Protein backbone atom coordinates (compact mmCIF):
# COMPACT_ATOMS: atom_id res chain seq x y z
CA MET A 1 0.00 0.00 0.00
CA GLY A 2 1.52 3.32 -1.06
CA ILE A 3 1.96 6.37 1.12
CA SER A 4 -0.68 8.40 -0.70
CA PHE A 5 -3.31 5.65 -0.38
CA SER A 6 -2.49 5.19 3.31
CA PHE A 7 -2.80 8.94 3.76
CA PHE A 8 -6.16 8.91 1.96
CA VAL A 9 -7.49 6.13 4.21
CA VAL A 10 -6.33 7.94 7.37
CA ILE A 11 -7.86 11.23 6.21
CA MET A 12 -11.20 9.59 5.38
CA ALA A 13 -11.34 7.91 8.80
CA SER A 14 -10.37 11.10 10.58
CA ASN A 15 -12.97 13.11 8.68
CA THR A 16 -15.64 10.72 9.95
CA ILE A 17 -14.43 10.99 13.56
CA PHE A 18 -14.03 14.76 13.27
CA ALA A 19 -17.58 15.16 11.90
CA GLN A 20 -19.03 12.99 14.67
CA THR A 21 -17.06 14.85 17.34
CA ILE A 22 -18.17 18.31 16.30
CA GLY A 23 -21.64 17.23 15.23
CA SER A 24 -23.21 18.50 18.44
CA LYS A 25 -21.14 21.69 18.52
CA ARG A 26 -21.91 24.93 16.73
CA LYS A 27 -20.61 25.23 13.18
CA SER A 28 -18.30 28.09 14.10
CA ASP A 29 -16.61 25.96 16.77
CA GLY A 30 -15.97 23.19 14.27
CA GLY A 31 -14.48 25.66 11.82
CA GLN A 32 -12.19 26.99 14.52
CA MET A 33 -11.13 23.45 15.44
CA LEU A 34 -10.32 22.69 11.81
CA ASN A 35 -8.41 25.96 11.32
CA THR A 36 -6.39 25.28 14.46
CA TRP A 37 -5.58 21.76 13.25
CA ILE A 38 -4.44 23.05 9.86
CA ALA A 39 -2.26 25.70 11.52
CA PHE A 40 -0.72 23.07 13.81
CA THR A 41 0.07 20.61 11.03
CA THR A 42 1.47 23.38 8.82
CA ALA A 43 3.74 24.59 11.63
CA HIS A 44 4.81 21.03 12.46
CA LEU A 45 5.79 20.35 8.85
CA ALA A 46 7.64 23.67 8.69
CA SER A 47 9.61 22.70 11.79
CA LEU A 48 10.59 19.33 10.29
CA TYR A 49 11.31 20.67 6.81
CA PRO A 50 12.26 24.35 7.23
CA ASN A 51 14.14 24.65 3.92
CA ALA A 52 12.81 24.63 0.36
CA ALA A 53 11.25 21.31 -0.67
CA ALA A 54 14.01 20.68 -3.22
CA THR A 55 16.51 20.53 -0.34
CA TYR A 56 15.03 17.22 0.82
CA GLY A 57 14.99 15.47 -2.54
CA SER A 58 12.35 13.64 -4.49
CA VAL A 59 10.89 11.83 -1.47
CA ASN A 60 9.89 15.09 0.22
CA ARG A 61 6.22 14.78 -0.74
CA SER A 62 6.07 11.20 0.48
CA CYS A 63 7.74 12.15 3.74
CA ARG A 64 5.31 15.02 4.28
CA CYS A 65 2.35 12.74 3.55
CA GLN A 66 3.65 10.18 6.03
CA VAL A 67 4.09 12.83 8.74
CA LEU A 68 0.58 14.16 8.11
CA ALA A 69 -0.87 10.65 8.13
CA ASP A 70 0.85 9.88 11.46
CA LEU A 71 -0.31 13.16 13.03
CA THR A 72 -3.84 12.68 11.75
CA LEU A 73 -4.02 9.11 13.02
CA ARG A 74 -2.87 10.19 16.49
CA ARG A 75 -5.35 13.09 16.54
CA THR A 76 -8.17 10.82 15.39
CA THR A 77 -7.39 8.54 18.33
CA GLU A 78 -7.59 11.55 20.65
CA LEU A 79 -10.89 12.73 19.16
CA GLN A 80 -12.37 9.26 19.60
CA LYS A 81 -12.26 9.90 23.37
CA TRP A 82 -15.02 12.50 22.96
CA LEU A 83 -17.19 9.91 21.24
CA ASP A 84 -16.42 7.07 23.65
CA GLY A 85 -16.74 9.15 26.82
CA ALA A 86 -14.70 9.14 30.00
CA GLU A 87 -14.90 6.60 32.78
CA GLU A 88 -16.80 7.58 35.88
CA GLY A 89 -14.42 9.16 38.36
CA GLU A 90 -12.09 10.56 35.69
CA VAL A 91 -11.64 14.03 37.18
CA CYS A 92 -9.43 15.39 34.40
CA ALA A 93 -11.81 14.63 31.50
CA GLY A 94 -12.63 18.29 30.89
CA SER A 95 -15.23 18.55 28.13
CA ILE A 96 -15.33 14.78 27.54
CA LYS A 97 -18.70 13.52 28.70
CA ARG A 98 -18.95 10.57 31.07
CA LYS A 99 -19.72 7.15 29.58
CA GLU A 100 -23.29 6.08 30.04
CA GLU A 101 -23.82 3.35 32.61
CA ASN A 102 -25.58 1.10 30.08
CA GLU A 103 -22.56 1.15 27.75
CA LYS A 104 -20.30 -0.60 30.27
């Protein structure tokens, strides 16, 4: 499986999780979340590859795709917590709602 296909699969899965996570939030909040994510990934890539793309050779695009796929997969895992809910007694859950008793 090539990098670009792997990236596509990760992005499609993350889009589903992202849409479910912000589904109950206002549209403007979701837009802000997305803009913040784009700014973070752009800054992260710039920190890894600060020079012109040609500096890193022909694999630069593949490397960037792999980094984005890895970041997106990790963030998707984090967002899943909002869908799954936090265990009862988890005092640091913040805005993550508690799991329903009948789901245990």
